[in-house]
């Protein structure tokens, strides 16, 4: 019980510090102090600073999954609306300070591209594929297309949020990326008549 509580304290402290200053500017000593624990407690719970960073990123993703699920389930029709509404909530989350810093700025560099993409596969599977299965249930797409469409939409989303994070004008870039993503999603999911 205490071990779990200490782990949560460390992850919470790491999230806050990494979001404030970025991975490279934060030490394990600072994280331990912010959590009210010792440096030894960090290494009891985590292999190293990178392992703690991975846990902090996972906690952010867990919150995002919860936010999208709460924002779509029972609030929108299980169809293309679910994807459009869900993507809007995802963009909002990724444009927040914490997700932007941990998941977009530091994540690829600290974790490596393959691990970073793999970590976010939960969003594609639990959110994207889930919503696309509803679209398939409505007869708008073939069920066998769900995995490929989920990968395409996930990749487009990832490129969009990276573009927003790197922009000199994030508000304008966000508006353009969101409009383009919506058009792409609706186009991919439109009935082609074949």
C-alpha atoms as a PDB file:
ATOM      1  CA  UNK A   1       0.000   0.000   0.000  1.00  0.00           C
ATOM      2  CA  UNK A   2       2.748   2.467   0.954  1.00  0.00           C
ATOM      3  CA  UNK A   3       4.761   1.368  -2.081  1.00  0.00           C
ATOM      4  CA  UNK A   4       1.827   2.165  -4.386  1.00  0.00           C
ATOM      5  CA  UNK A   5       1.271   5.517  -2.670  1.00  0.00           C
ATOM      6  CA  UNK A   6       4.970   6.385  -3.028  1.00  0.00           C
ATOM      7  CA  UNK A   7       4.913   5.422  -6.689  1.00  0.00           C
ATOM      8  CA  UNK A   8       1.905   7.688  -7.281  1.00  0.00           C
ATOM      9  CA  UNK A   9       3.611  10.561  -5.432  1.00  0.00           C
ATOM     10  CA  UNK A  10       6.732  10.161  -7.555  1.00  0.00           C
ATOM     11  CA  UNK A  11       4.796   9.984 -10.815  1.00  0.00           C
ATOM     12  CA  UNK A  12       2.769  13.061  -9.828  1.00  0.00           C
ATOM     13  CA  UNK A  13       5.891  15.015  -8.908  1.00  0.00           C
ATOM     14  CA  UNK A  14       7.663  13.920 -12.105  1.00  0.00           C
ATOM     15  CA  UNK A  15       4.700  14.917 -14.273  1.00  0.00           C
ATOM     16  CA  UNK A  16       4.588  18.375 -12.741  1.00  0.00           C
ATOM     17  CA  UNK A  17       8.319  18.995 -12.971  1.00  0.00           C
ATOM     18  CA  UNK A  18       8.722  17.584 -16.483  1.00  0.00           C
ATOM     19  CA  UNK A  19       5.778  19.706 -17.665  1.00  0.00           C
ATOM     20  CA  UNK A  20       7.244  22.829 -16.045  1.00  0.00           C
ATOM     21  CA  UNK A  21      10.846  22.513 -17.217  1.00  0.00           C
ATOM     22  CA  UNK A  22      11.263  19.544 -19.541  1.00  0.00           C
ATOM     23  CA  UNK A  23      12.955  16.204 -19.016  1.00  0.00           C
ATOM     24  CA  UNK A  24      16.582  17.350 -19.357  1.00  0.00           C
ATOM     25  CA  UNK A  25      16.238  20.171 -16.813  1.00  0.00           C
ATOM     26  CA  UNK A  26      14.830  17.991 -14.008  1.00  0.00           C
ATOM     27  CA  UNK A  27      16.911  15.819 -11.688  1.00  0.00           C
ATOM     28  CA  UNK A  28      15.914  12.698  -9.786  1.00  0.00           C
ATOM     29  CA  UNK A  29      16.766  14.574  -6.567  1.00  0.00           C
ATOM     30  CA  UNK A  30      14.230  17.290  -7.437  1.00  0.00           C
ATOM     31  CA  UNK A  31      11.529  14.744  -8.189  1.00  0.00           C
ATOM     32  CA  UNK A  32      12.143  12.964  -4.889  1.00  0.00           C
ATOM     33  CA  UNK A  33      12.075  16.259  -2.971  1.00  0.00           C
ATOM     34  CA  UNK A  34       8.851  17.389  -4.678  1.00  0.00           C
ATOM     35  CA  UNK A  35       7.260  14.029  -3.772  1.00  0.00           C
ATOM     36  CA  UNK A  36       8.492  14.333  -0.172  1.00  0.00           C
ATOM     37  CA  UNK A  37      10.530  11.145  -0.546  1.00  0.00           C
ATOM     38  CA  UNK A  38      14.168  10.143  -0.810  1.00  0.00           C
ATOM     39  CA  UNK A  39      16.193   9.538  -3.923  1.00  0.00           C
ATOM     40  CA  UNK A  40      16.359   5.903  -2.810  1.00  0.00           C
ATOM     41  CA  UNK A  41      12.561   5.736  -3.042  1.00  0.00           C
ATOM     42  CA  UNK A  42      12.802   6.739  -6.699  1.00  0.00           C
ATOM     43  CA  UNK A  43      15.215   3.914  -7.459  1.00  0.00           C
ATOM     44  CA  UNK A  44      13.150   1.458  -5.430  1.00  0.00           C
ATOM     45  CA  UNK A  45      10.166   2.175  -7.681  1.00  0.00           C
ATOM     46  CA  UNK A  46      11.897   2.910 -10.991  1.00  0.00           C
ATOM     47  CA  UNK A  47      14.950   1.630 -12.824  1.00  0.00           C
ATOM     48  CA  UNK A  48      16.110   5.150 -13.678  1.00  0.00           C
ATOM     49  CA  UNK A  49      14.871   8.635 -14.568  1.00  0.00           C
ATOM     50  CA  UNK A  50      13.813   7.456 -18.026  1.00  0.00           C
ATOM     51  CA  UNK A  51      11.687   4.688 -16.496  1.00  0.00           C
ATOM     52  CA  UNK A  52      10.024   7.284 -14.253  1.00  0.00           C
ATOM     53  CA  UNK A  53       9.462   9.493 -17.301  1.00  0.00           C
ATOM     54  CA  UNK A  54       7.806   6.563 -19.104  1.00  0.00           C
ATOM     55  CA  UNK A  55       5.478   6.071 -16.105  1.00  0.00           C
ATOM     56  CA  UNK A  56       4.653   9.792 -16.093  1.00  0.00           C
ATOM     57  CA  UNK A  57       3.811   9.664 -19.813  1.00  0.00           C
ATOM     58  CA  UNK A  58       1.665   6.584 -19.274  1.00  0.00           C
ATOM     59  CA  UNK A  59      -0.249   8.395 -16.520  1.00  0.00           C
ATOM     60  CA  UNK A  60      -0.915  11.304 -18.886  1.00  0.00           C
ATOM     61  CA  UNK A  61      -2.145   8.898 -21.567  1.00  0.00           C
ATOM     62  CA  UNK A  62      -4.383   7.141 -19.023  1.00  0.00           C
ATOM     63  CA  UNK A  63      -6.010  10.477 -18.191  1.00  0.00           C
ATOM     64  CA  UNK A  64      -6.454  11.329 -21.866  1.00  0.00           C
ATOM     65  CA  UNK A  65      -8.133   7.970 -22.563  1.00  0.00           C
ATOM     66  CA  UNK A  66     -10.482   8.604 -19.638  1.00  0.00           C
ATOM     67  CA  UNK A  67     -11.254  12.134 -20.814  1.00  0.00           C
ATOM     68  CA  UNK A  68     -12.073  11.038 -24.364  1.00  0.00           C
ATOM     69  CA  UNK A  69     -14.144   8.096 -23.145  1.00  0.00           C
ATOM     70  CA  UNK A  70     -16.174  10.299 -20.794  1.00  0.00           C
ATOM     71  CA  UNK A  71     -16.580  12.947 -23.499  1.00  0.00           C
ATOM     72  CA  UNK A  72     -17.897  10.570 -26.122  1.00  0.00           C
ATOM     73  CA  UNK A  73     -19.707   7.698 -24.440  1.00  0.00           C
ATOM     74  CA  UNK A  74     -23.408   8.448 -24.001  1.00  0.00           C
ATOM     75  CA  UNK A  75     -22.864  11.988 -25.326  1.00  0.00           C
ATOM     76  CA  UNK A  76     -22.576  11.474 -29.056  1.00  0.00           C
ATOM     77  CA  UNK A  77     -24.022   9.030 -31.511  1.00  0.00           C
ATOM     78  CA  UNK A  78     -21.823   5.998 -32.082  1.00  0.00           C
ATOM     79  CA  UNK A  79     -20.948   6.904 -35.645  1.00  0.00           C
ATOM     80  CA  UNK A  80     -18.615   9.306 -37.382  1.00  0.00           C
ATOM     81  CA  UNK A  81     -19.645  11.910 -34.764  1.00  0.00           C
ATOM     82  CA  UNK A  82     -17.849   9.837 -32.153  1.00  0.00           C
ATOM     83  CA  UNK A  83     -14.594  10.109 -34.106  1.00  0.00           C
ATOM     84  CA  UNK A  84     -14.964  13.831 -34.775  1.00  0.00           C
ATOM     85  CA  UNK A  85     -15.893  14.618 -31.150  1.00  0.00           C
ATOM     86  CA  UNK A  86     -13.228  12.291 -29.774  1.00  0.00           C
ATOM     87  CA  UNK A  87     -10.524  13.810 -31.961  1.00  0.00           C
ATOM     88  CA  UNK A  88     -11.477  17.294 -30.737  1.00  0.00           C
ATOM     89  CA  UNK A  89     -11.035  16.147 -27.133  1.00  0.00           C
ATOM     90  CA  UNK A  90      -7.720  14.516 -28.074  1.00  0.00           C
ATOM     91  CA  UNK A  91      -6.460  17.714 -29.707  1.00  0.00           C
ATOM     92  CA  UNK A  92      -7.470  19.683 -26.602  1.00  0.00           C
ATOM     93  CA  UNK A  93      -5.592  17.245 -24.375  1.00  0.00           C
ATOM     94  CA  UNK A  94      -2.431  17.180 -26.484  1.00  0.00           C
ATOM     95  CA  UNK A  95      -2.376  20.962 -26.689  1.00  0.00           C
ATOM     96  CA  UNK A  96      -2.356  21.161 -22.881  1.00  0.00           C
ATOM     97  CA  UNK A  97       0.950  22.007 -21.246  1.00  0.00           C
ATOM     98  CA  UNK A  98       1.563  18.599 -19.681  1.00  0.00           C
ATOM     99  CA  UNK A  99       0.785  16.413 -22.705  1.00  0.00           C
ATOM    100  CA  UNK A 100       2.541  18.825 -25.041  1.00  0.00           C
ATOM    101  CA  UNK A 101       5.792  18.730 -23.065  1.00  0.00           C
ATOM    102  CA  UNK A 102       5.826  15.072 -22.034  1.00  0.00           C
ATOM    103  CA  UNK A 103       4.201  13.363 -24.991  1.00  0.00           C
ATOM    104  CA  UNK A 104       5.228  15.588 -27.895  1.00  0.00           C
ATOM    105  CA  UNK A 105       8.400  17.483 -27.055  1.00  0.00           C
ATOM    106  CA  UNK A 106      10.302  15.145 -24.734  1.00  0.00           C
ATOM    107  CA  UNK A 107       8.629  11.805 -25.474  1.00  0.00           C
ATOM    108  CA  UNK A 108      10.127  11.017 -28.893  1.00  0.00           C
ATOM    109  CA  UNK A 109      13.639  12.063 -27.831  1.00  0.00           C
ATOM    110  CA  UNK A 110      13.659  10.388 -24.414  1.00  0.00           C
ATOM    111  CA  UNK A 111      11.864   7.165 -25.294  1.00  0.00           C
ATOM    112  CA  UNK A 112      12.888   6.789 -28.931  1.00  0.00           C
ATOM    113  CA  UNK A 113      10.435   6.888 -31.803  1.00  0.00           C
ATOM    114  CA  UNK A 114       9.423   3.217 -31.721  1.00  0.00           C
ATOM    115  CA  UNK A 115       8.762   3.160 -27.962  1.00  0.00           C
ATOM    116  CA  UNK A 116       6.977   6.519 -28.174  1.00  0.00           C
ATOM    117  CA  UNK A 117       4.616   5.286 -30.889  1.00  0.00           C
ATOM    118  CA  UNK A 118       4.076   1.970 -29.082  1.00  0.00           C
ATOM    119  CA  UNK A 119       3.187   3.796 -25.867  1.00  0.00           C
ATOM    120  CA  UNK A 120       0.470   5.710 -27.643  1.00  0.00           C
ATOM    121  CA  UNK A 121      -0.971   2.630 -29.351  1.00  0.00           C
ATOM    122  CA  UNK A 122      -3.502   2.458 -26.525  1.00  0.00           C
ATOM    123  CA  UNK A 123      -5.133   5.572 -27.956  1.00  0.00           C
ATOM    124  CA  UNK A 124      -5.373   3.929 -31.362  1.00  0.00           C
ATOM    125  CA  UNK A 125      -6.737   0.644 -30.037  1.00  0.00           C
ATOM    126  CA  UNK A 126      -8.995   1.696 -27.165  1.00  0.00           C
ATOM    127  CA  UNK A 127     -10.289   4.874 -28.739  1.00  0.00           C
ATOM    128  CA  UNK A 128      -9.762   4.723 -32.501  1.00  0.00           C
ATOM    129  CA  UNK A 129     -10.579   1.095 -33.156  1.00  0.00           C
ATOM    130  CA  UNK A 130     -13.433   1.186 -30.659  1.00  0.00           C
ATOM    131  CA  UNK A 131     -15.049   4.152 -32.406  1.00  0.00           C
ATOM    132  CA  UNK A 132     -14.409   2.668 -35.838  1.00  0.00           C
ATOM    133  CA  UNK A 133     -16.127  -0.563 -34.792  1.00  0.00           C
ATOM    134  CA  UNK A 134     -19.218   1.543 -34.073  1.00  0.00           C
ATOM    135  CA  UNK A 135     -18.928   3.039 -37.545  1.00  0.00           C
ATOM    136  CA  UNK A 136     -18.661  -0.488 -38.979  1.00  0.00           C
ATOM    137  CA  UNK A 137     -21.715  -1.549 -36.938  1.00  0.00           C
ATOM    138  CA  UNK A 138     -23.598   1.308 -38.598  1.00  0.00           C
ATOM    139  CA  UNK A 139     -22.609  -0.098 -41.992  1.00  0.00           C
ATOM    140  CA  UNK A 140     -20.480   2.885 -42.985  1.00  0.00           C
ATOM    141  CA  UNK A 141     -17.223   0.939 -43.351  1.00  0.00           C
ATOM    142  CA  UNK A 142     -16.248  -2.679 -43.715  1.00  0.00           C
ATOM    143  CA  UNK A 143     -15.196  -4.273 -40.420  1.00  0.00           C
ATOM    144  CA  UNK A 144     -11.935  -5.574 -41.926  1.00  0.00           C
ATOM    145  CA  UNK A 145     -10.895  -1.959 -42.645  1.00  0.00           C
ATOM    146  CA  UNK A 146     -10.983  -0.966 -38.963  1.00  0.00           C
ATOM    147  CA  UNK A 147      -7.329  -1.697 -38.038  1.00  0.00           C
ATOM    148  CA  UNK A 148      -5.899   0.010 -41.131  1.00  0.00           C
ATOM    149  CA  UNK A 149      -8.170   3.050 -40.784  1.00  0.00           C
ATOM    150  CA  UNK A 150      -7.299   3.310 -37.092  1.00  0.00           C
ATOM    151  CA  UNK A 151      -3.577   3.358 -37.989  1.00  0.00           C
ATOM    152  CA  UNK A 152      -4.110   5.993 -40.677  1.00  0.00           C
ATOM    153  CA  UNK A 153      -6.190   8.259 -38.455  1.00  0.00           C
ATOM    154  CA  UNK A 154      -3.770   7.791 -35.554  1.00  0.00           C
ATOM    155  CA  UNK A 155      -0.793   8.663 -37.747  1.00  0.00           C
ATOM    156  CA  UNK A 156      -2.521  11.751 -39.119  1.00  0.00           C
ATOM    157  CA  UNK A 157      -3.424  12.852 -35.598  1.00  0.00           C
ATOM    158  CA  UNK A 158       0.144  12.321 -34.359  1.00  0.00           C
ATOM    159  CA  UNK A 159       1.585  14.370 -37.233  1.00  0.00           C
ATOM    160  CA  UNK A 160      -0.987  17.086 -36.606  1.00  0.00           C
ATOM    161  CA  UNK A 161      -0.228  17.496 -32.907  1.00  0.00           C
ATOM    162  CA  UNK A 162       3.509  17.482 -33.625  1.00  0.00           C
ATOM    163  CA  UNK A 163       2.967  20.262 -36.157  1.00  0.00           C
ATOM    164  CA  UNK A 164       0.986  22.261 -33.579  1.00  0.00           C
ATOM    165  CA  UNK A 165       3.634  21.721 -30.887  1.00  0.00           C
ATOM    166  CA  UNK A 166       6.414  22.961 -33.188  1.00  0.00           C
ATOM    167  CA  UNK A 167       4.483  25.959 -34.528  1.00  0.00           C
ATOM    168  CA  UNK A 168       5.350  29.590 -33.942  1.00  0.00           C
ATOM    169  CA  UNK A 169       1.607  30.271 -34.017  1.00  0.00           C
ATOM    170  CA  UNK A 170      -0.003  27.290 -32.237  1.00  0.00           C
ATOM    171  CA  UNK A 171      -3.528  28.736 -32.273  1.00  0.00           C
ATOM    172  CA  UNK A 172      -3.595  29.239 -36.050  1.00  0.00           C
ATOM    173  CA  UNK A 173      -1.855  25.928 -36.683  1.00  0.00           C
ATOM    174  CA  UNK A 174      -4.307  24.162 -34.370  1.00  0.00           C
ATOM    175  CA  UNK A 175      -7.298  25.571 -36.224  1.00  0.00           C
ATOM    176  CA  UNK A 176      -5.833  24.511 -39.590  1.00  0.00           C
ATOM    177  CA  UNK A 177      -4.793  21.043 -38.397  1.00  0.00           C
ATOM    178  CA  UNK A 178      -8.138  20.366 -36.711  1.00  0.00           C
ATOM    179  CA  UNK A 179     -10.043  21.378 -39.840  1.00  0.00           C
ATOM    180  CA  UNK A 180      -7.809  19.219 -42.025  1.00  0.00           C
ATOM    181  CA  UNK A 181      -8.082  16.241 -39.662  1.00  0.00           C
ATOM    182  CA  UNK A 182     -11.859  16.524 -39.562  1.00  0.00           C
ATOM    183  CA  UNK A 183     -11.988  16.622 -43.356  1.00  0.00           C
ATOM    184  CA  UNK A 184      -9.627  13.661 -43.601  1.00  0.00           C
ATOM    185  CA  UNK A 185     -11.609  11.601 -41.063  1.00  0.00           C
ATOM    186  CA  UNK A 186     -14.934  12.369 -42.708  1.00  0.00           C
ATOM    187  CA  UNK A 187     -13.477  11.623 -46.148  1.00  0.00           C
ATOM    188  CA  UNK A 188     -12.004   8.297 -45.069  1.00  0.00           C
ATOM    189  CA  UNK A 189     -15.282   7.278 -43.537  1.00  0.00           C
ATOM    190  CA  UNK A 190     -17.569   8.463 -46.335  1.00  0.00           C
ATOM    191  CA  UNK A 191     -19.430   5.847 -48.309  1.00  0.00           C
ATOM    192  CA  UNK A 192     -17.844   5.522 -51.725  1.00  0.00           C
ATOM    193  CA  UNK A 193     -20.672   3.687 -53.436  1.00  0.00           C
ATOM    194  CA  UNK A 194     -18.488   0.768 -54.554  1.00  0.00           C
END
